[in-house]
N, C-alpha and C. Protein backbone atom coordinates (compact mmCIF):
# COMPACT_ATOMS: atom_id res chain seq x y z
N MET A 1 74.09 7.45 -45.58
CA MET A 1 73.98 8.13 -44.30
C MET A 1 75.31 8.77 -43.96
N SER A 2 75.30 9.85 -43.28
CA SER A 2 76.52 10.55 -42.89
C SER A 2 77.29 9.73 -41.88
N GLU A 3 78.57 9.99 -41.79
CA GLU A 3 79.42 9.31 -40.83
C GLU A 3 79.05 9.75 -39.42
N GLU A 4 78.97 8.78 -38.49
CA GLU A 4 78.63 9.10 -37.11
C GLU A 4 79.90 9.23 -36.29
N LYS A 5 79.88 10.12 -35.32
CA LYS A 5 81.00 10.32 -34.42
C LYS A 5 80.49 10.32 -32.99
N THR A 6 81.25 9.71 -32.10
CA THR A 6 80.93 9.80 -30.68
C THR A 6 81.94 10.73 -30.05
N GLN A 7 81.44 11.79 -29.44
CA GLN A 7 82.30 12.78 -28.82
C GLN A 7 82.50 12.43 -27.35
N GLY A 8 83.50 13.02 -26.71
CA GLY A 8 83.80 12.76 -25.32
C GLY A 8 82.65 13.10 -24.38
N THR A 9 81.70 13.88 -24.85
CA THR A 9 80.58 14.29 -24.01
C THR A 9 79.50 13.22 -23.95
N GLY A 10 79.70 12.09 -24.66
CA GLY A 10 78.68 11.06 -24.69
C GLY A 10 77.60 11.36 -25.70
N VAL A 11 77.83 12.32 -26.59
CA VAL A 11 76.86 12.70 -27.59
C VAL A 11 77.28 12.12 -28.93
N THR A 12 76.37 11.44 -29.60
CA THR A 12 76.65 10.94 -30.93
C THR A 12 76.04 11.91 -31.91
N THR A 13 76.84 12.36 -32.87
CA THR A 13 76.36 13.33 -33.83
C THR A 13 76.43 12.77 -35.23
N VAL A 14 75.63 13.31 -36.11
CA VAL A 14 75.68 12.96 -37.52
C VAL A 14 76.15 14.20 -38.25
N ASP A 15 77.23 14.06 -39.04
CA ASP A 15 77.73 15.19 -39.81
C ASP A 15 76.64 15.68 -40.76
N ALA A 16 76.56 16.97 -40.94
CA ALA A 16 75.61 17.60 -41.86
C ALA A 16 74.20 17.06 -41.65
N PRO A 17 73.60 17.34 -40.47
CA PRO A 17 72.25 16.84 -40.22
C PRO A 17 71.28 17.34 -41.28
N SER A 18 70.39 16.46 -41.66
CA SER A 18 69.40 16.81 -42.68
C SER A 18 68.06 17.06 -42.02
N GLU A 19 67.10 17.43 -42.83
CA GLU A 19 65.75 17.63 -42.30
C GLU A 19 65.13 16.32 -41.85
N ASN A 20 65.79 15.20 -42.14
CA ASN A 20 65.30 13.87 -41.78
C ASN A 20 65.98 13.33 -40.52
N THR A 21 66.70 14.18 -39.78
CA THR A 21 67.45 13.76 -38.61
C THR A 21 66.56 13.67 -37.37
N VAL A 22 66.75 12.58 -36.63
CA VAL A 22 66.08 12.38 -35.34
C VAL A 22 67.14 12.52 -34.26
N GLU A 23 66.80 13.24 -33.20
CA GLU A 23 67.69 13.39 -32.05
C GLU A 23 66.93 12.92 -30.82
N VAL A 24 67.49 11.93 -30.13
CA VAL A 24 66.85 11.40 -28.92
C VAL A 24 67.81 11.56 -27.75
N THR A 25 67.33 12.18 -26.68
CA THR A 25 68.11 12.34 -25.45
C THR A 25 67.51 11.44 -24.38
N PHE A 26 68.36 10.63 -23.76
CA PHE A 26 67.95 9.74 -22.68
C PHE A 26 68.43 10.32 -21.36
N LEU A 27 67.49 10.62 -20.47
CA LEU A 27 67.80 11.14 -19.14
C LEU A 27 67.66 10.01 -18.14
N PRO A 28 68.31 10.04 -17.01
CA PRO A 28 69.16 11.10 -16.48
C PRO A 28 70.60 11.02 -16.99
N GLU A 29 70.90 9.99 -17.79
CA GLU A 29 72.26 9.83 -18.31
C GLU A 29 72.69 11.04 -19.15
N GLY A 30 71.73 11.68 -19.81
CA GLY A 30 72.03 12.84 -20.62
C GLY A 30 72.68 12.50 -21.94
N LYS A 31 72.54 11.26 -22.38
CA LYS A 31 73.15 10.84 -23.64
C LYS A 31 72.19 11.16 -24.78
N THR A 32 72.70 11.90 -25.77
CA THR A 32 71.92 12.26 -26.95
C THR A 32 72.48 11.53 -28.15
N VAL A 33 71.58 10.92 -28.92
CA VAL A 33 71.98 10.21 -30.13
C VAL A 33 71.20 10.78 -31.31
N THR A 34 71.79 10.72 -32.48
CA THR A 34 71.12 11.19 -33.68
C THR A 34 71.24 10.14 -34.77
N PHE A 35 70.24 10.09 -35.63
CA PHE A 35 70.24 9.16 -36.75
C PHE A 35 69.27 9.66 -37.80
N GLU A 36 69.36 9.09 -38.97
CA GLU A 36 68.45 9.47 -40.05
C GLU A 36 67.18 8.64 -39.93
N HIS A 37 66.04 9.33 -39.89
CA HIS A 37 64.75 8.66 -39.75
C HIS A 37 64.56 7.65 -40.87
N GLY A 38 64.13 6.44 -40.48
CA GLY A 38 63.88 5.38 -41.45
C GLY A 38 65.11 4.57 -41.84
N LYS A 39 66.27 4.88 -41.26
CA LYS A 39 67.50 4.18 -41.64
C LYS A 39 68.21 3.53 -40.46
N LEU A 40 67.54 3.38 -39.33
CA LEU A 40 68.15 2.78 -38.15
C LEU A 40 68.09 1.26 -38.29
N PRO A 41 69.22 0.55 -38.12
CA PRO A 41 69.16 -0.92 -38.19
C PRO A 41 68.28 -1.46 -37.07
N TYR A 42 67.42 -2.41 -37.38
CA TYR A 42 66.50 -2.98 -36.39
C TYR A 42 67.25 -3.96 -35.50
N GLN A 43 67.07 -3.84 -34.18
CA GLN A 43 67.76 -4.67 -33.20
C GLN A 43 66.91 -5.82 -32.65
N ASP A 44 65.80 -6.12 -33.28
CA ASP A 44 64.96 -7.29 -32.96
C ASP A 44 64.28 -7.25 -31.59
N HIS A 45 64.16 -6.10 -30.98
CA HIS A 45 63.43 -5.97 -29.72
C HIS A 45 62.53 -4.75 -29.81
N GLY A 46 61.25 -4.95 -29.54
CA GLY A 46 60.30 -3.86 -29.66
C GLY A 46 59.98 -3.62 -31.13
N LYS A 47 59.25 -2.56 -31.38
CA LYS A 47 58.91 -2.20 -32.76
C LYS A 47 60.09 -1.48 -33.40
N GLU A 48 60.16 -1.52 -34.73
CA GLU A 48 61.24 -0.83 -35.44
C GLU A 48 61.18 0.68 -35.18
N GLU A 49 62.33 1.25 -34.90
CA GLU A 49 62.50 2.68 -34.55
C GLU A 49 61.73 3.08 -33.30
N SER A 50 61.48 2.10 -32.43
CA SER A 50 60.91 2.41 -31.12
C SER A 50 62.02 2.98 -30.24
N LEU A 51 61.65 3.56 -29.11
CA LEU A 51 62.65 4.07 -28.18
C LEU A 51 63.58 2.96 -27.71
N LEU A 52 63.05 1.75 -27.54
CA LEU A 52 63.88 0.61 -27.16
C LEU A 52 64.86 0.28 -28.28
N ASP A 53 64.40 0.27 -29.51
CA ASP A 53 65.27 0.00 -30.67
C ASP A 53 66.39 1.04 -30.76
N VAL A 54 66.05 2.29 -30.55
CA VAL A 54 67.05 3.37 -30.57
C VAL A 54 68.07 3.13 -29.47
N ALA A 55 67.59 2.86 -28.25
CA ALA A 55 68.49 2.65 -27.12
C ALA A 55 69.45 1.49 -27.41
N LEU A 56 68.95 0.38 -27.91
CA LEU A 56 69.81 -0.77 -28.20
C LEU A 56 70.83 -0.46 -29.29
N ASN A 57 70.44 0.30 -30.29
CA ASN A 57 71.36 0.67 -31.37
C ASN A 57 72.54 1.48 -30.87
N PHE A 58 72.34 2.26 -29.80
CA PHE A 58 73.38 3.15 -29.33
C PHE A 58 73.96 2.74 -27.97
N GLY A 59 73.69 1.52 -27.54
CA GLY A 59 74.29 1.01 -26.31
C GLY A 59 73.77 1.64 -25.04
N ILE A 60 72.54 2.13 -25.08
CA ILE A 60 71.93 2.72 -23.88
C ILE A 60 71.09 1.64 -23.22
N HIS A 61 71.31 1.44 -21.92
CA HIS A 61 70.59 0.38 -21.21
C HIS A 61 69.15 0.80 -20.92
N LEU A 62 68.23 0.08 -21.52
CA LEU A 62 66.80 0.23 -21.20
C LEU A 62 66.28 -1.18 -20.99
N ASP A 63 65.99 -1.51 -19.74
CA ASP A 63 65.56 -2.85 -19.40
C ASP A 63 64.36 -3.25 -20.26
N HIS A 64 64.30 -4.52 -20.63
CA HIS A 64 63.20 -5.03 -21.45
C HIS A 64 63.08 -6.54 -21.24
N ALA A 65 62.56 -6.90 -20.08
CA ALA A 65 62.51 -8.30 -19.65
C ALA A 65 61.76 -9.21 -20.62
N CYS A 66 60.76 -8.69 -21.30
CA CYS A 66 59.96 -9.54 -22.19
C CYS A 66 60.50 -9.55 -23.62
N GLY A 67 61.64 -8.90 -23.85
CA GLY A 67 62.20 -8.85 -25.19
C GLY A 67 61.54 -7.82 -26.08
N GLY A 68 60.79 -6.90 -25.49
CA GLY A 68 60.14 -5.85 -26.27
C GLY A 68 58.84 -6.27 -26.91
N ASN A 69 58.14 -7.20 -26.25
CA ASN A 69 56.90 -7.74 -26.80
C ASN A 69 55.63 -7.18 -26.18
N CYS A 70 55.73 -6.09 -25.44
CA CYS A 70 54.58 -5.48 -24.77
C CYS A 70 53.92 -6.46 -23.80
N ALA A 71 54.76 -7.24 -23.10
CA ALA A 71 54.24 -8.22 -22.14
C ALA A 71 54.63 -7.86 -20.71
N CYS A 72 55.34 -6.74 -20.51
CA CYS A 72 55.72 -6.31 -19.17
C CYS A 72 55.84 -4.79 -19.18
N THR A 73 56.36 -4.21 -18.12
CA THR A 73 56.51 -2.75 -18.06
C THR A 73 57.95 -2.33 -17.76
N THR A 74 58.91 -3.21 -17.97
CA THR A 74 60.29 -2.89 -17.59
C THR A 74 60.91 -1.80 -18.46
N CYS A 75 60.37 -1.53 -19.64
CA CYS A 75 60.91 -0.47 -20.50
C CYS A 75 60.12 0.83 -20.36
N HIS A 76 59.40 0.97 -19.24
CA HIS A 76 58.60 2.17 -18.95
C HIS A 76 59.48 3.41 -18.93
N VAL A 77 59.11 4.42 -19.70
CA VAL A 77 59.82 5.70 -19.74
C VAL A 77 58.82 6.83 -19.67
N TRP A 78 59.33 8.02 -19.40
CA TRP A 78 58.51 9.24 -19.43
C TRP A 78 58.98 10.07 -20.61
N VAL A 79 58.08 10.43 -21.50
CA VAL A 79 58.41 11.27 -22.65
C VAL A 79 58.32 12.72 -22.20
N LYS A 80 59.47 13.39 -22.13
CA LYS A 80 59.55 14.75 -21.63
C LYS A 80 59.37 15.79 -22.73
N GLU A 81 59.74 15.42 -23.97
CA GLU A 81 59.68 16.35 -25.09
C GLU A 81 59.53 15.54 -26.37
N GLY A 82 58.77 16.07 -27.32
CA GLY A 82 58.64 15.43 -28.62
C GLY A 82 57.47 14.46 -28.75
N ALA A 83 56.47 14.60 -27.89
CA ALA A 83 55.32 13.70 -27.94
C ALA A 83 54.62 13.73 -29.29
N ASP A 84 54.73 14.86 -29.99
CA ASP A 84 54.09 14.98 -31.30
C ASP A 84 54.85 14.24 -32.40
N LEU A 85 56.03 13.71 -32.07
CA LEU A 85 56.85 13.01 -33.06
C LEU A 85 56.76 11.49 -32.94
N ILE A 86 56.03 11.01 -31.93
CA ILE A 86 55.96 9.57 -31.67
C ILE A 86 54.57 9.02 -31.95
N SER A 87 54.51 7.69 -32.03
CA SER A 87 53.26 7.00 -32.32
C SER A 87 52.23 7.20 -31.22
N GLU A 88 50.97 7.09 -31.60
CA GLU A 88 49.88 7.10 -30.62
C GLU A 88 49.93 5.82 -29.81
N MET A 89 49.49 5.87 -28.58
CA MET A 89 49.44 4.70 -27.74
C MET A 89 48.30 3.78 -28.20
N GLU A 90 48.62 2.49 -28.34
CA GLU A 90 47.61 1.49 -28.70
C GLU A 90 47.05 0.87 -27.43
N ASP A 91 45.93 0.18 -27.57
CA ASP A 91 45.23 -0.40 -26.41
C ASP A 91 46.11 -1.37 -25.62
N ASP A 92 46.89 -2.22 -26.29
CA ASP A 92 47.75 -3.18 -25.58
C ASP A 92 48.74 -2.47 -24.67
N GLU A 93 49.33 -1.39 -25.19
CA GLU A 93 50.29 -0.63 -24.39
C GLU A 93 49.59 0.04 -23.21
N ALA A 94 48.42 0.62 -23.44
CA ALA A 94 47.67 1.29 -22.37
C ALA A 94 47.31 0.29 -21.28
N ASP A 95 46.90 -0.91 -21.67
CA ASP A 95 46.55 -1.94 -20.70
C ASP A 95 47.76 -2.34 -19.85
N LYS A 96 48.92 -2.48 -20.48
CA LYS A 96 50.14 -2.83 -19.74
C LYS A 96 50.55 -1.69 -18.81
N LEU A 97 50.48 -0.46 -19.31
CA LEU A 97 50.88 0.69 -18.49
C LEU A 97 50.02 0.85 -17.24
N ASP A 98 48.78 0.37 -17.28
CA ASP A 98 47.93 0.43 -16.09
C ASP A 98 48.56 -0.29 -14.91
N MET A 99 49.48 -1.22 -15.19
CA MET A 99 50.15 -1.99 -14.14
C MET A 99 51.52 -1.42 -13.78
N ALA A 100 51.94 -0.36 -14.45
CA ALA A 100 53.28 0.19 -14.23
C ALA A 100 53.35 1.02 -12.95
N ALA A 101 54.51 1.00 -12.33
CA ALA A 101 54.75 1.82 -11.15
C ALA A 101 54.90 3.28 -11.57
N ASP A 102 54.45 4.19 -10.73
CA ASP A 102 54.62 5.63 -10.93
C ASP A 102 54.13 6.10 -12.30
N LEU A 103 52.95 5.66 -12.67
CA LEU A 103 52.34 6.02 -13.95
C LEU A 103 52.09 7.53 -14.01
N GLN A 104 52.50 8.15 -15.11
CA GLN A 104 52.30 9.58 -15.32
C GLN A 104 51.62 9.79 -16.66
N LEU A 105 51.14 11.01 -16.90
CA LEU A 105 50.48 11.31 -18.17
C LEU A 105 51.40 11.11 -19.37
N ASN A 106 52.70 11.26 -19.15
CA ASN A 106 53.67 11.12 -20.24
C ASN A 106 54.35 9.74 -20.26
N SER A 107 53.79 8.77 -19.53
CA SER A 107 54.35 7.42 -19.48
C SER A 107 54.12 6.69 -20.80
N ARG A 108 55.15 5.97 -21.22
CA ARG A 108 55.06 5.12 -22.42
C ARG A 108 55.94 3.90 -22.20
N LEU A 109 55.71 2.86 -22.98
CA LEU A 109 56.60 1.71 -23.01
C LEU A 109 57.58 1.94 -24.15
N GLY A 110 58.86 1.86 -23.85
CA GLY A 110 59.88 2.11 -24.85
C GLY A 110 59.78 1.18 -26.05
N CYS A 111 59.33 -0.05 -25.84
CA CYS A 111 59.24 -1.02 -26.93
C CYS A 111 58.11 -0.72 -27.90
N GLN A 112 57.13 0.06 -27.49
CA GLN A 112 55.95 0.34 -28.31
C GLN A 112 55.93 1.76 -28.86
N THR A 113 56.78 2.63 -28.34
CA THR A 113 56.80 4.04 -28.71
C THR A 113 57.70 4.25 -29.91
N VAL A 114 57.09 4.38 -31.08
CA VAL A 114 57.82 4.48 -32.34
C VAL A 114 57.98 5.94 -32.74
N ILE A 115 59.19 6.30 -33.15
CA ILE A 115 59.44 7.65 -33.64
C ILE A 115 58.90 7.73 -35.07
N LYS A 116 57.91 8.58 -35.28
CA LYS A 116 57.22 8.68 -36.56
C LYS A 116 57.72 9.81 -37.44
N LYS A 117 58.35 10.83 -36.82
CA LYS A 117 58.79 12.01 -37.57
C LYS A 117 60.16 12.44 -37.08
N PRO A 118 60.94 13.06 -37.96
CA PRO A 118 62.23 13.62 -37.53
C PRO A 118 62.01 14.74 -36.51
N GLY A 119 63.02 15.00 -35.71
CA GLY A 119 62.95 16.06 -34.71
C GLY A 119 63.62 15.62 -33.43
N LYS A 120 63.32 16.33 -32.34
CA LYS A 120 63.96 16.10 -31.05
C LYS A 120 62.99 15.45 -30.06
N VAL A 121 63.44 14.34 -29.47
CA VAL A 121 62.66 13.62 -28.46
C VAL A 121 63.54 13.51 -27.21
N VAL A 122 62.94 13.77 -26.05
CA VAL A 122 63.64 13.61 -24.78
C VAL A 122 62.83 12.66 -23.92
N VAL A 123 63.50 11.60 -23.42
CA VAL A 123 62.83 10.63 -22.56
C VAL A 123 63.63 10.44 -21.29
N GLU A 124 62.93 10.13 -20.22
CA GLU A 124 63.59 9.85 -18.95
C GLU A 124 63.29 8.42 -18.55
N ILE A 125 64.35 7.71 -18.19
CA ILE A 125 64.21 6.36 -17.64
C ILE A 125 64.10 6.55 -16.13
N PRO A 126 62.95 6.21 -15.54
CA PRO A 126 62.77 6.44 -14.10
C PRO A 126 63.85 5.73 -13.27
N ALA A 127 64.23 6.33 -12.16
CA ALA A 127 65.31 5.81 -11.31
C ALA A 127 65.04 4.37 -10.88
N TRP A 128 63.81 4.05 -10.52
CA TRP A 128 63.49 2.70 -10.07
C TRP A 128 63.50 1.70 -11.22
N ASN A 129 63.58 2.18 -12.46
CA ASN A 129 63.56 1.31 -13.63
C ASN A 129 64.94 1.16 -14.25
N ARG A 130 65.96 1.73 -13.62
CA ARG A 130 67.31 1.63 -14.15
C ARG A 130 68.03 0.49 -13.47
N ASN A 131 67.98 -0.68 -14.07
CA ASN A 131 68.59 -1.88 -13.52
C ASN A 131 69.86 -2.16 -14.31
N TYR A 132 70.97 -1.54 -13.90
CA TYR A 132 72.22 -1.67 -14.63
C TYR A 132 72.87 -3.03 -14.48
N VAL A 133 72.44 -3.82 -13.52
CA VAL A 133 72.98 -5.14 -13.34
C VAL A 133 71.88 -6.14 -13.71
N SER A 134 71.57 -6.17 -15.00
CA SER A 134 70.51 -7.09 -15.42
C SER A 134 71.11 -8.10 -16.39
N GLU A 135 70.39 -9.17 -16.58
CA GLU A 135 70.83 -10.19 -17.52
C GLU A 135 70.64 -9.70 -18.93
N GLU A 136 71.47 -10.20 -19.84
CA GLU A 136 71.29 -9.88 -21.25
C GLU A 136 70.02 -10.55 -21.73
N HIS A 137 69.31 -9.90 -22.66
CA HIS A 137 68.05 -10.45 -23.17
C HIS A 137 68.24 -10.89 -24.58
């Protein structure tokens, strides 16, 4: 994998991006991270290469009270761009999302939303779901 650099803008880049590069932007923080699809180290929360896994790999706070087990809605996000690059919603996730606050058509659980293809994904962590003073999980 290419060497990663973190620039002063809060953007992590991969030198010489390949056709296998994934770029994920987390709003409203505006932090963009890139990595090679299929080569992200698993952080033991949520599914491998899920939005939660990506966030944990790059130090982005995405609350996940249940440890990424699809047992709560604290990792609720809105997928703003790149819906065609992520996994289809499964029944367990849909059932949990029915209980989420401010449910939208683009709502997903970060722990269950797996990046399936390289490309650009943009997600927003809703303001009411940004708990920066939370316990470590």
